[in-house]
Every structure is written in C-alpha cells, then in structure tokens.
Amino acid sequence: MKPDALNALVELICLEPLEEHLFRGHSQDLGLPQLFGGQVLGQSLSAASQTVDPARKSHSLHGYFLRPGDPHRPVVYQVDAVRDGGSFTTRRVTAIQKGRPIFFCSASFHGTEQSIAHQPAMPEVAPPETLAEGDARLVRFPGHPIEFLQVDETVELGRPARKRFWFRLVGELPDDQALHRNLLAYSSDFNLLITALMPHGIDFRDPRLQLASLDHALWFHADLRVDDWLLYDMDSPWAGGARGFARGSIYDRQGRLVASSAQEGLTRLRR
C-alpha cells in the first residue's frame, strides 16, 4: 500500500480528462514563490502520454517556462497531436492558467528497438544504505514522498559547480513505466539550477537572488523506477548574463544511465 503522500502525488500527476486531448491537473503548494516547475513538467508529460499508444514510451521532453504559475489554482493542459509516425509519436502540450499559457513543451515517444549502445560509467559514490548509516544528510519535505540523500552539499566560494545526491519516492508504485517517467520528470527539476550557484558561494535562499527556471529538457534512456534510489549527478559548465546553465545524469543503483537533463534559468543577483 502506498503512503498517503505518494498517493497524493500520483493523483496530482495522473490528471482529469475534460475533453479529447484536454486535461486538468490540481496544483500543490511547496512553499515556493510560484508553482513548482516540476509539477508542470510531470503533468505535461502525463497529458501527452495519455494520447499515445502505450507501446511507445516517452524518450524526450523539451519545454519553456513562460509565466510564473499559481500554486493555488488548477492547470489545464491542451495536447496537440503533431505526428503519429511509423516509429515516433510527437505531441505538443500547453499548460494554461487564467486563460494564458504558463508553460509549453514538445514530447516524443518511441517503441522498443535494439541497436548500438554505450554510456559513461556512473560516478564512484557510496551506495545509499552506506550513506544513510554514516553522516550523510537525509532531506525530506514535510508531507511529501520524495527524499534526498546528499552525497556532497557544501556551498562555498570557488568550489566546483557540481552536486550529487540519491533520491527516491518513498512507497511502492505499480509497474507502469509511463507513471515512473512522469514522476521522474516531476522530480528532475529539484536542485538542478541551484548547481549554477555553488562556485559563487550563494545560497538559493539569499534575498538578493532572483532564481527561476527558463527551460527544461529531459531524455529517457531506459526503463526506470522512481520508488528505488536514483543517483542525480549534476554540473554547471557556464553562468553569465544573469543566466545559469546546468545539466544532469540520472543513474539507477545498478549503474545504468536511465535519463539525462539540462536546464537554463535566471540567476539574477541584485546588488
């Protein structure tokens, strides 16, 4: 049986059908100044997935955040069936609040095929059980099913722009790959842009800082489970002009690269 918090998150992601290719999602308030970007990422992918043959799985999502969302209002998702091809299916999704788009994305789906394969090795980090028994900090949001196990978390001037942590959703989920991918899209937004702040010794709660996601890209490489530990390895190769860029690699505990992410965001520091 899934905990109530995980049940609530699954319900948040699954959406309510209104008409053909039109869905409504409830919102959650995480105490942020605006709607959490991961919510519209996960819900948008969920809306697109519900219009696609289940034999085809999501393999990429590219989206832009247009306006701050209101965490106290529902979001309506309009899906445009761009293409149903012989191998790939493409959908465009627009997230709407108060009659205006707050986010839009394109998502692509692909059937299972076998071909060439390679990936980088997973970074050498301690397994989550070992970290949990040591001094690693376990972070949980109150009333939320996600938990983070920090591998490194020091914020200091001049340190490398890299951040790594294990994360999972606490509870047991059904063996539904679309659901796991939708929930990974939701989870992939946590902490990614913050990586661009690390070499500058700036905490994301600094009142001088204006921080906001501008876009988000996510690629799924293999089947995965978000109710088991996943390693999120993030780095930020560039920041400038009040923008920061970060990218991430997500590995399962067997060392498979199951997903990759990239994001650019506003990193404006008021002086």
C-alpha atoms as a PDB file:
ATOM      1  CA  MET A   1       0.000   0.000   0.000  1.00  0.00           C
ATOM      2  CA  LYS A   2       1.400   3.391  -0.969  1.00  0.00           C
ATOM      3  CA  PRO A   3       1.686   6.048   1.751  1.00  0.00           C
ATOM      4  CA  ASP A   4      -0.883   8.850   1.605  1.00  0.00           C
ATOM      5  CA  ALA A   5       1.755  11.336   0.419  1.00  0.00           C
ATOM      6  CA  LEU A   6       2.720   9.140  -2.536  1.00  0.00           C
ATOM      7  CA  ASN A   7      -0.937   8.514  -3.356  1.00  0.00           C
ATOM      8  CA  ALA A   8      -1.499  12.265  -3.434  1.00  0.00           C
ATOM      9  CA  LEU A   9       1.460  12.809  -5.772  1.00  0.00           C
ATOM     10  CA  VAL A  10       0.283  10.051  -8.136  1.00  0.00           C
ATOM     11  CA  GLU A  11      -3.180  11.653  -8.235  1.00  0.00           C
ATOM     12  CA  LEU A  12      -1.562  15.028  -8.910  1.00  0.00           C
ATOM     13  CA  ILE A  13       0.306  13.611 -11.920  1.00  0.00           C
ATOM     14  CA  CYS A  14      -2.475  11.477 -13.411  1.00  0.00           C
ATOM     15  CA  LEU A  15      -4.834  14.386 -14.371  1.00  0.00           C
ATOM     16  CA  GLU A  16      -8.565  14.609 -15.050  1.00  0.00           C
ATOM     17  CA  PRO A  17      -9.715  14.230 -18.693  1.00  0.00           C
ATOM     18  CA  LEU A  18     -12.030  17.082 -19.724  1.00  0.00           C
ATOM     19  CA  GLU A  19     -12.338  16.541 -23.470  1.00  0.00           C
ATOM     20  CA  GLU A  20     -10.334  14.749 -26.131  1.00  0.00           C
ATOM     21  CA  HIS A  21      -6.722  15.954 -25.688  1.00  0.00           C
ATOM     22  CA  LEU A  22      -7.738  18.322 -22.879  1.00  0.00           C
ATOM     23  CA  PHE A  23      -6.887  17.649 -19.216  1.00  0.00           C
ATOM     24  CA  ARG A  24      -6.971  19.388 -15.855  1.00  0.00           C
ATOM     25  CA  GLY A  25      -4.452  18.986 -13.052  1.00  0.00           C
ATOM     26  CA  HIS A  26      -4.628  20.150  -9.466  1.00  0.00           C
ATOM     27  CA  SER A  27      -1.727  22.122  -8.002  1.00  0.00           C
ATOM     28  CA  GLN A  28       0.387  21.745  -4.889  1.00  0.00           C
ATOM     29  CA  ASP A  29       1.928  24.443  -2.727  1.00  0.00           C
ATOM     30  CA  LEU A  30       5.536  23.620  -1.780  1.00  0.00           C
ATOM     31  CA  GLY A  31       6.069  26.987  -0.108  1.00  0.00           C
ATOM     32  CA  LEU A  32       7.805  28.445  -3.174  1.00  0.00           C
ATOM     33  CA  PRO A  33       7.062  31.945  -4.555  1.00  0.00           C
ATOM     34  CA  GLN A  34       5.421  30.316  -7.600  1.00  0.00           C
ATOM     35  CA  LEU A  35       4.184  26.950  -8.832  1.00  0.00           C
ATOM     36  CA  PHE A  36       6.919  24.284  -8.696  1.00  0.00           C
ATOM     37  CA  GLY A  37       8.236  23.759 -12.219  1.00  0.00           C
ATOM     38  CA  GLY A  38       8.472  20.009 -11.769  1.00  0.00           C
ATOM     39  CA  GLN A  39       4.706  19.863 -11.385  1.00  0.00           C
ATOM     40  CA  VAL A  40       4.017  21.236 -14.866  1.00  0.00           C
ATOM     41  CA  LEU A  41       6.801  19.077 -16.309  1.00  0.00           C
ATOM     42  CA  GLY A  42       5.318  15.893 -14.873  1.00  0.00           C
ATOM     43  CA  GLN A  43       1.722  16.827 -15.618  1.00  0.00           C
ATOM     44  CA  SER A  44       2.531  17.904 -19.192  1.00  0.00           C
ATOM     45  CA  LEU A  45       4.246  14.591 -19.889  1.00  0.00           C
ATOM     46  CA  SER A  46       1.304  12.796 -18.290  1.00  0.00           C
ATOM     47  CA  ALA A  47      -1.148  14.645 -20.550  1.00  0.00           C
ATOM     48  CA  ALA A  48       0.885  13.804 -23.648  1.00  0.00           C
ATOM     49  CA  SER A  49       1.283  10.148 -22.590  1.00  0.00           C
ATOM     50  CA  GLN A  50      -2.477   9.700 -22.286  1.00  0.00           C
ATOM     51  CA  THR A  51      -2.868  10.451 -26.009  1.00  0.00           C
ATOM     52  CA  VAL A  52      -0.186   7.977 -27.172  1.00  0.00           C
ATOM     53  CA  ASP A  53      -0.192   4.206 -27.768  1.00  0.00           C
ATOM     54  CA  PRO A  54       1.178   2.661 -24.523  1.00  0.00           C
ATOM     55  CA  ALA A  55       3.608   0.576 -26.602  1.00  0.00           C
ATOM     56  CA  ARG A  56       5.535   3.795 -27.250  1.00  0.00           C
ATOM     57  CA  LYS A  57       7.400   5.260 -24.276  1.00  0.00           C
ATOM     58  CA  SER A  58       8.475   8.842 -23.756  1.00  0.00           C
ATOM     59  CA  HIS A  59      12.117   9.392 -24.688  1.00  0.00           C
ATOM     60  CA  SER A  60      12.445  13.192 -24.680  1.00  0.00           C
ATOM     61  CA  LEU A  61      10.756  16.348 -23.448  1.00  0.00           C
ATOM     62  CA  HIS A  62      11.720  19.954 -24.217  1.00  0.00           C
ATOM     63  CA  GLY A  63       9.837  22.779 -22.541  1.00  0.00           C
ATOM     64  CA  TYR A  64       9.830  26.515 -21.787  1.00  0.00           C
ATOM     65  CA  PHE A  65       8.507  28.227 -18.682  1.00  0.00           C
ATOM     66  CA  LEU A  66       6.627  31.334 -19.836  1.00  0.00           C
ATOM     67  CA  ARG A  67       4.976  32.783 -16.728  1.00  0.00           C
ATOM     68  CA  PRO A  68       5.033  32.040 -13.003  1.00  0.00           C
ATOM     69  CA  GLY A  69       2.273  29.573 -12.106  1.00  0.00           C
ATOM     70  CA  ASP A  70      -0.141  29.960  -9.202  1.00  0.00           C
ATOM     71  CA  PRO A  71       0.147  27.015  -6.763  1.00  0.00           C
ATOM     72  CA  HIS A  72      -3.412  27.637  -5.550  1.00  0.00           C
ATOM     73  CA  ARG A  73      -5.138  27.223  -8.927  1.00  0.00           C
ATOM     74  CA  PRO A  74      -5.576  24.180 -11.203  1.00  0.00           C
ATOM     75  CA  VAL A  75      -3.749  23.930 -14.533  1.00  0.00           C
ATOM     76  CA  VAL A  76      -5.399  22.996 -17.840  1.00  0.00           C
ATOM     77  CA  TYR A  77      -3.307  21.033 -20.370  1.00  0.00           C
ATOM     78  CA  GLN A  78      -4.069  21.163 -24.092  1.00  0.00           C
ATOM     79  CA  VAL A  79      -2.390  18.464 -26.195  1.00  0.00           C
ATOM     80  CA  ASP A  80      -1.740  18.888 -29.901  1.00  0.00           C
ATOM     81  CA  ALA A  81      -1.252  15.590 -31.775  1.00  0.00           C
ATOM     82  CA  VAL A  82       1.570  16.818 -34.013  1.00  0.00           C
ATOM     83  CA  ARG A  83       2.533  13.487 -35.574  1.00  0.00           C
ATOM     84  CA  ASP A  84       1.931   9.746 -35.332  1.00  0.00           C
ATOM     85  CA  GLY A  85       4.720   8.275 -37.426  1.00  0.00           C
ATOM     86  CA  GLY A  86       5.890   4.773 -38.178  1.00  0.00           C
ATOM     87  CA  SER A  87       8.458   4.805 -35.345  1.00  0.00           C
ATOM     88  CA  PHE A  88       7.952   8.027 -33.377  1.00  0.00           C
ATOM     89  CA  THR A  89       4.994   9.939 -31.952  1.00  0.00           C
ATOM     90  CA  THR A  90       5.221  13.680 -31.268  1.00  0.00           C
ATOM     91  CA  ARG A  91       2.995  15.757 -29.028  1.00  0.00           C
ATOM     92  CA  ARG A  92       2.908  19.460 -28.149  1.00  0.00           C
ATOM     93  CA  VAL A  93       1.454  20.417 -24.753  1.00  0.00           C
ATOM     94  CA  THR A  94       0.411  23.853 -23.497  1.00  0.00           C
ATOM     95  CA  ALA A  95      -0.200  24.423 -19.783  1.00  0.00           C
ATOM     96  CA  ILE A  96      -2.782  27.157 -19.126  1.00  0.00           C
ATOM     97  CA  GLN A  97      -3.774  29.173 -16.048  1.00  0.00           C
ATOM     98  CA  LYS A  98      -6.133  32.168 -16.000  1.00  0.00           C
ATOM     99  CA  GLY A  99      -6.563  31.819 -19.758  1.00  0.00           C
ATOM    100  CA  ARG A 100      -2.837  32.286 -20.517  1.00  0.00           C
ATOM    101  CA  PRO A 101      -0.061  29.773 -21.241  1.00  0.00           C
ATOM    102  CA  ILE A 102       2.422  29.387 -18.394  1.00  0.00           C
ATOM    103  CA  PHE A 103       4.440  26.563 -19.998  1.00  0.00           C
ATOM    104  CA  PHE A 104       4.648  24.642 -23.249  1.00  0.00           C
ATOM    105  CA  CYS A 105       6.666  21.644 -24.351  1.00  0.00           C
ATOM    106  CA  SER A 106       7.204  19.089 -27.066  1.00  0.00           C
ATOM    107  CA  ALA A 107       7.395  15.413 -26.126  1.00  0.00           C
ATOM    108  CA  SER A 108       8.458  12.483 -28.277  1.00  0.00           C
ATOM    109  CA  PHE A 109       7.643   8.784 -27.875  1.00  0.00           C
ATOM    110  CA  HIS A 110       9.338   5.740 -29.383  1.00  0.00           C
ATOM    111  CA  GLY A 111       8.823   1.992 -29.446  1.00  0.00           C
ATOM    112  CA  THR A 112      11.421  -0.525 -28.261  1.00  0.00           C
ATOM    113  CA  GLU A 113      14.294  -1.198 -30.676  1.00  0.00           C
ATOM    114  CA  GLN A 114      17.751  -2.788 -30.407  1.00  0.00           C
ATOM    115  CA  SER A 115      20.866  -1.117 -31.849  1.00  0.00           C
ATOM    116  CA  ILE A 116      24.296   0.204 -30.785  1.00  0.00           C
ATOM    117  CA  ALA A 117      24.657   1.153 -27.116  1.00  0.00           C
ATOM    118  CA  HIS A 118      27.151   2.906 -24.836  1.00  0.00           C
ATOM    119  CA  GLN A 119      27.143   5.114 -21.738  1.00  0.00           C
ATOM    120  CA  PRO A 120      29.604   6.729 -19.290  1.00  0.00           C
ATOM    121  CA  ALA A 121      30.365   4.923 -16.048  1.00  0.00           C
ATOM    122  CA  MET A 122      28.406   6.015 -13.004  1.00  0.00           C
ATOM    123  CA  PRO A 123      30.473   8.208 -10.631  1.00  0.00           C
ATOM    124  CA  GLU A 124      32.049   6.298  -7.765  1.00  0.00           C
ATOM    125  CA  VAL A 125      29.899   7.216  -4.789  1.00  0.00           C
ATOM    126  CA  ALA A 126      28.858   5.272  -1.721  1.00  0.00           C
ATOM    127  CA  PRO A 127      25.560   3.369  -2.030  1.00  0.00           C
ATOM    128  CA  PRO A 128      22.567   4.987  -0.317  1.00  0.00           C
ATOM    129  CA  GLU A 129      22.450   2.439   2.523  1.00  0.00           C
ATOM    130  CA  THR A 130      26.070   3.191   3.448  1.00  0.00           C
ATOM    131  CA  LEU A 131      25.497   6.945   3.340  1.00  0.00           C
ATOM    132  CA  ALA A 132      22.336   6.628   5.446  1.00  0.00           C
ATOM    133  CA  GLU A 133      24.307   4.805   8.141  1.00  0.00           C
ATOM    134  CA  GLY A 134      27.003   7.500   8.174  1.00  0.00           C
ATOM    135  CA  ASP A 135      26.932  11.274   8.399  1.00  0.00           C
ATOM    136  CA  ALA A 136      25.105  11.975   5.126  1.00  0.00           C
ATOM    137  CA  ARG A 137      22.106  14.279   5.471  1.00  0.00           C
ATOM    138  CA  LEU A 138      18.695  12.818   4.587  1.00  0.00           C
ATOM    139  CA  VAL A 139      16.284  15.545   3.460  1.00  0.00           C
ATOM    140  CA  ARG A 140      12.512  15.126   3.375  1.00  0.00           C
ATOM    141  CA  PHE A 141       9.881  17.758   2.636  1.00  0.00           C
ATOM    142  CA  PRO A 142       7.100  17.673   5.252  1.00  0.00           C
ATOM    143  CA  GLY A 143       4.147  15.708   3.904  1.00  0.00           C
ATOM    144  CA  HIS A 144       5.937  14.939   0.630  1.00  0.00           C
ATOM    145  CA  PRO A 145       7.031  11.451  -0.555  1.00  0.00           C
ATOM    146  CA  ILE A 146      10.376  12.475  -2.061  1.00  0.00           C
ATOM    147  CA  GLU A 147      13.582  12.144  -0.069  1.00  0.00           C
ATOM    148  CA  PHE A 148      17.151  13.153  -0.890  1.00  0.00           C
ATOM    149  CA  LEU A 149      20.359  11.643   0.446  1.00  0.00           C
ATOM    150  CA  GLN A 150      23.135  14.181  -0.027  1.00  0.00           C
ATOM    151  CA  VAL A 151      26.471  12.927  -1.365  1.00  0.00           C
ATOM    152  CA  ASP A 152      28.052  16.412  -1.229  1.00  0.00           C
ATOM    153  CA  GLU A 153      26.359  19.671  -0.286  1.00  0.00           C
ATOM    154  CA  THR A 154      28.968  22.271   0.636  1.00  0.00           C
ATOM    155  CA  VAL A 155      28.267  25.743  -0.765  1.00  0.00           C
ATOM    156  CA  GLU A 156      31.449  27.780  -0.721  1.00  0.00           C
ATOM    157  CA  LEU A 157      33.209  30.275  -2.932  1.00  0.00           C
ATOM    158  CA  GLY A 158      35.356  28.652  -5.603  1.00  0.00           C
ATOM    159  CA  ARG A 159      34.129  25.095  -5.190  1.00  0.00           C
ATOM    160  CA  PRO A 160      33.344  23.050  -8.345  1.00  0.00           C
ATOM    161  CA  ALA A 161      29.901  23.582  -9.871  1.00  0.00           C
ATOM    162  CA  ARG A 162      28.849  20.006  -9.199  1.00  0.00           C
ATOM    163  CA  LYS A 163      26.184  18.452  -6.987  1.00  0.00           C
ATOM    164  CA  ARG A 164      25.271  14.793  -6.432  1.00  0.00           C
ATOM    165  CA  PHE A 165      22.561  13.108  -4.394  1.00  0.00           C
ATOM    166  CA  TRP A 166      20.481   9.953  -4.259  1.00  0.00           C
ATOM    167  CA  PHE A 167      16.705  10.422  -4.387  1.00  0.00           C
ATOM    168  CA  ARG A 168      13.567   8.298  -4.388  1.00  0.00           C
ATOM    169  CA  LEU A 169       9.829   8.423  -3.797  1.00  0.00           C
ATOM    170  CA  VAL A 170       9.020   6.612  -0.565  1.00  0.00           C
ATOM    171  CA  GLY A 171       6.450   3.860  -1.059  1.00  0.00           C
ATOM    172  CA  GLU A 172       5.624   1.257  -3.676  1.00  0.00           C
ATOM    173  CA  LEU A 173       4.404   2.100  -7.168  1.00  0.00           C
ATOM    174  CA  PRO A 174       2.833  -0.159  -9.813  1.00  0.00           C
ATOM    175  CA  ASP A 175       4.973  -1.426 -12.677  1.00  0.00           C
ATOM    176  CA  ASP A 176       3.713   1.309 -15.014  1.00  0.00           C
ATOM    177  CA  GLN A 177       6.615   2.786 -16.966  1.00  0.00           C
ATOM    178  CA  ALA A 178       4.629   5.832 -18.102  1.00  0.00           C
ATOM    179  CA  LEU A 179       3.881   6.692 -14.468  1.00  0.00           C
ATOM    180  CA  HIS A 180       7.536   6.280 -13.433  1.00  0.00           C
ATOM    181  CA  ARG A 181       8.708   8.509 -16.290  1.00  0.00           C
ATOM    182  CA  ASN A 182       6.087  11.160 -15.499  1.00  0.00           C
ATOM    183  CA  LEU A 183       7.200  11.156 -11.864  1.00  0.00           C
ATOM    184  CA  LEU A 184      10.854  11.367 -12.893  1.00  0.00           C
ATOM    185  CA  ALA A 185      10.015  14.447 -14.972  1.00  0.00           C
ATOM    186  CA  TYR A 186       8.437  15.913 -11.823  1.00  0.00           C
ATOM    187  CA  SER A 187      11.499  15.049  -9.693  1.00  0.00           C
ATOM    188  CA  SER A 188      14.146  16.140 -12.222  1.00  0.00           C
ATOM    189  CA  ASP A 189      13.532  19.842 -11.503  1.00  0.00           C
ATOM    190  CA  PHE A 190      14.637  19.627  -7.858  1.00  0.00           C
ATOM    191  CA  ASN A 191      18.067  21.255  -7.260  1.00  0.00           C
ATOM    192  CA  LEU A 192      19.197  21.316 -10.905  1.00  0.00           C
ATOM    193  CA  LEU A 193      19.514  25.080 -11.385  1.00  0.00           C
ATOM    194  CA  ILE A 194      20.969  25.508  -7.877  1.00  0.00           C
ATOM    195  CA  THR A 195      24.129  23.801  -9.172  1.00  0.00           C
ATOM    196  CA  ALA A 196      24.994  27.022 -11.036  1.00  0.00           C
ATOM    197  CA  LEU A 197      25.222  28.885  -7.699  1.00  0.00           C
ATOM    198  CA  MET A 198      27.694  26.594  -5.993  1.00  0.00           C
ATOM    199  CA  PRO A 199      31.068  28.047  -7.156  1.00  0.00           C
ATOM    200  CA  HIS A 200      29.853  31.524  -6.189  1.00  0.00           C
ATOM    201  CA  GLY A 201      29.053  30.676  -2.570  1.00  0.00           C
ATOM    202  CA  ILE A 202      25.428  31.809  -2.993  1.00  0.00           C
ATOM    203  CA  ASP A 203      22.604  30.058  -1.155  1.00  0.00           C
ATOM    204  CA  PHE A 204      19.370  29.750  -3.128  1.00  0.00           C
ATOM    205  CA  ARG A 205      17.526  31.436  -0.227  1.00  0.00           C
ATOM    206  CA  ASP A 206      19.683  34.576  -0.474  1.00  0.00           C
ATOM    207  CA  PRO A 207      17.217  37.526  -0.576  1.00  0.00           C
ATOM    208  CA  ARG A 208      19.360  39.253  -3.236  1.00  0.00           C
ATOM    209  CA  LEU A 209      18.858  36.361  -5.636  1.00  0.00           C
ATOM    210  CA  GLN A 210      16.119  36.072  -8.264  1.00  0.00           C
ATOM    211  CA  LEU A 211      16.066  32.433  -9.350  1.00  0.00           C
ATOM    212  CA  ALA A 212      13.661  30.983 -11.918  1.00  0.00           C
ATOM    213  CA  SER A 213      13.684  28.159 -14.479  1.00  0.00           C
ATOM    214  CA  LEU A 214      13.538  29.317 -18.097  1.00  0.00           C
ATOM    215  CA  ASP A 215      13.549  25.966 -19.880  1.00  0.00           C
ATOM    216  CA  HIS A 216      13.991  22.270 -19.172  1.00  0.00           C
ATOM    217  CA  ALA A 217      14.981  19.295 -21.293  1.00  0.00           C
ATOM    218  CA  LEU A 218      14.811  15.653 -20.300  1.00  0.00           C
ATOM    219  CA  TRP A 219      15.819  12.491 -22.143  1.00  0.00           C
ATOM    220  CA  PHE A 220      14.818   8.981 -21.046  1.00  0.00           C
ATOM    221  CA  HIS A 221      17.345   6.299 -21.968  1.00  0.00           C
ATOM    222  CA  ALA A 222      15.987   3.170 -20.244  1.00  0.00           C
ATOM    223  CA  ASP A 223      13.170   1.856 -18.094  1.00  0.00           C
ATOM    224  CA  LEU A 224      13.446   3.039 -14.506  1.00  0.00           C
ATOM    225  CA  ARG A 225      11.768   3.068 -11.108  1.00  0.00           C
ATOM    226  CA  VAL A 226      11.403   6.208  -9.019  1.00  0.00           C
ATOM    227  CA  ASP A 227      10.431   4.206  -5.924  1.00  0.00           C
ATOM    228  CA  ASP A 228      14.034   2.949  -5.697  1.00  0.00           C
ATOM    229  CA  TRP A 229      17.158   5.057  -5.217  1.00  0.00           C
ATOM    230  CA  LEU A 230      18.421   7.009  -8.245  1.00  0.00           C
ATOM    231  CA  LEU A 231      21.686   8.971  -8.342  1.00  0.00           C
ATOM    232  CA  TYR A 232      21.409  12.525  -9.728  1.00  0.00           C
ATOM    233  CA  ASP A 233      24.841  13.777 -10.856  1.00  0.00           C
ATOM    234  CA  MET A 234      24.657  17.479 -11.841  1.00  0.00           C
ATOM    235  CA  ASP A 235      27.135  20.072 -13.032  1.00  0.00           C
ATOM    236  CA  SER A 236      27.014  23.635 -14.318  1.00  0.00           C
ATOM    237  CA  PRO A 237      29.558  24.357 -17.078  1.00  0.00           C
ATOM    238  CA  TRP A 238      28.522  28.011 -17.530  1.00  0.00           C
ATOM    239  CA  ALA A 239      26.821  31.017 -15.959  1.00  0.00           C
ATOM    240  CA  GLY A 240      26.718  34.604 -17.200  1.00  0.00           C
ATOM    241  CA  GLY A 241      24.436  37.444 -18.225  1.00  0.00           C
ATOM    242  CA  ALA A 242      22.083  36.720 -15.290  1.00  0.00           C
ATOM    243  CA  ARG A 243      21.538  33.169 -16.581  1.00  0.00           C
ATOM    244  CA  GLY A 244      22.911  29.838 -15.435  1.00  0.00           C
ATOM    245  CA  PHE A 245      23.082  26.527 -17.277  1.00  0.00           C
ATOM    246  CA  ALA A 246      23.078  23.120 -15.595  1.00  0.00           C
ATOM    247  CA  ARG A 247      22.896  19.529 -16.789  1.00  0.00           C
ATOM    248  CA  GLY A 248      22.314  16.235 -15.047  1.00  0.00           C
ATOM    249  CA  SER A 249      22.809  12.496 -15.434  1.00  0.00           C
ATOM    250  CA  ILE A 250      20.490  10.106 -13.599  1.00  0.00           C
ATOM    251  CA  TYR A 251      21.676   6.566 -12.802  1.00  0.00           C
ATOM    252  CA  ASP A 252      19.917   3.657 -11.138  1.00  0.00           C
ATOM    253  CA  ARG A 253      21.635   1.691  -8.380  1.00  0.00           C
ATOM    254  CA  GLN A 254      22.896  -0.849 -10.977  1.00  0.00           C
ATOM    255  CA  GLY A 255      24.884   1.933 -12.672  1.00  0.00           C
ATOM    256  CA  ARG A 256      22.672   2.284 -15.763  1.00  0.00           C
ATOM    257  CA  LEU A 257      22.263   5.794 -17.153  1.00  0.00           C
ATOM    258  CA  VAL A 258      18.459   5.962 -17.255  1.00  0.00           C
ATOM    259  CA  ALA A 259      17.953   9.670 -18.024  1.00  0.00           C
ATOM    260  CA  SER A 260      19.708  12.973 -18.764  1.00  0.00           C
ATOM    261  CA  SER A 261      18.542  16.530 -18.109  1.00  0.00           C
ATOM    262  CA  ALA A 262      19.515  20.106 -18.945  1.00  0.00           C
ATOM    263  CA  GLN A 263      18.174  23.450 -17.794  1.00  0.00           C
ATOM    264  CA  GLU A 264      18.838  27.151 -18.164  1.00  0.00           C
ATOM    265  CA  GLY A 265      17.479  29.561 -15.609  1.00  0.00           C
ATOM    266  CA  LEU A 266      17.502  33.144 -14.393  1.00  0.00           C
ATOM    267  CA  THR A 267      20.265  33.695 -11.817  1.00  0.00           C
ATOM    268  CA  ARG A 268      19.927  37.445 -11.271  1.00  0.00           C
ATOM    269  CA  LEU A 269      21.809  38.785  -8.266  1.00  0.00           C
ATOM    270  CA  ARG A 270      20.610  42.180  -7.088  1.00  0.00           C
ATOM    271  CA  ARG A 271      23.408  44.337  -5.696  1.00  0.00           C
END
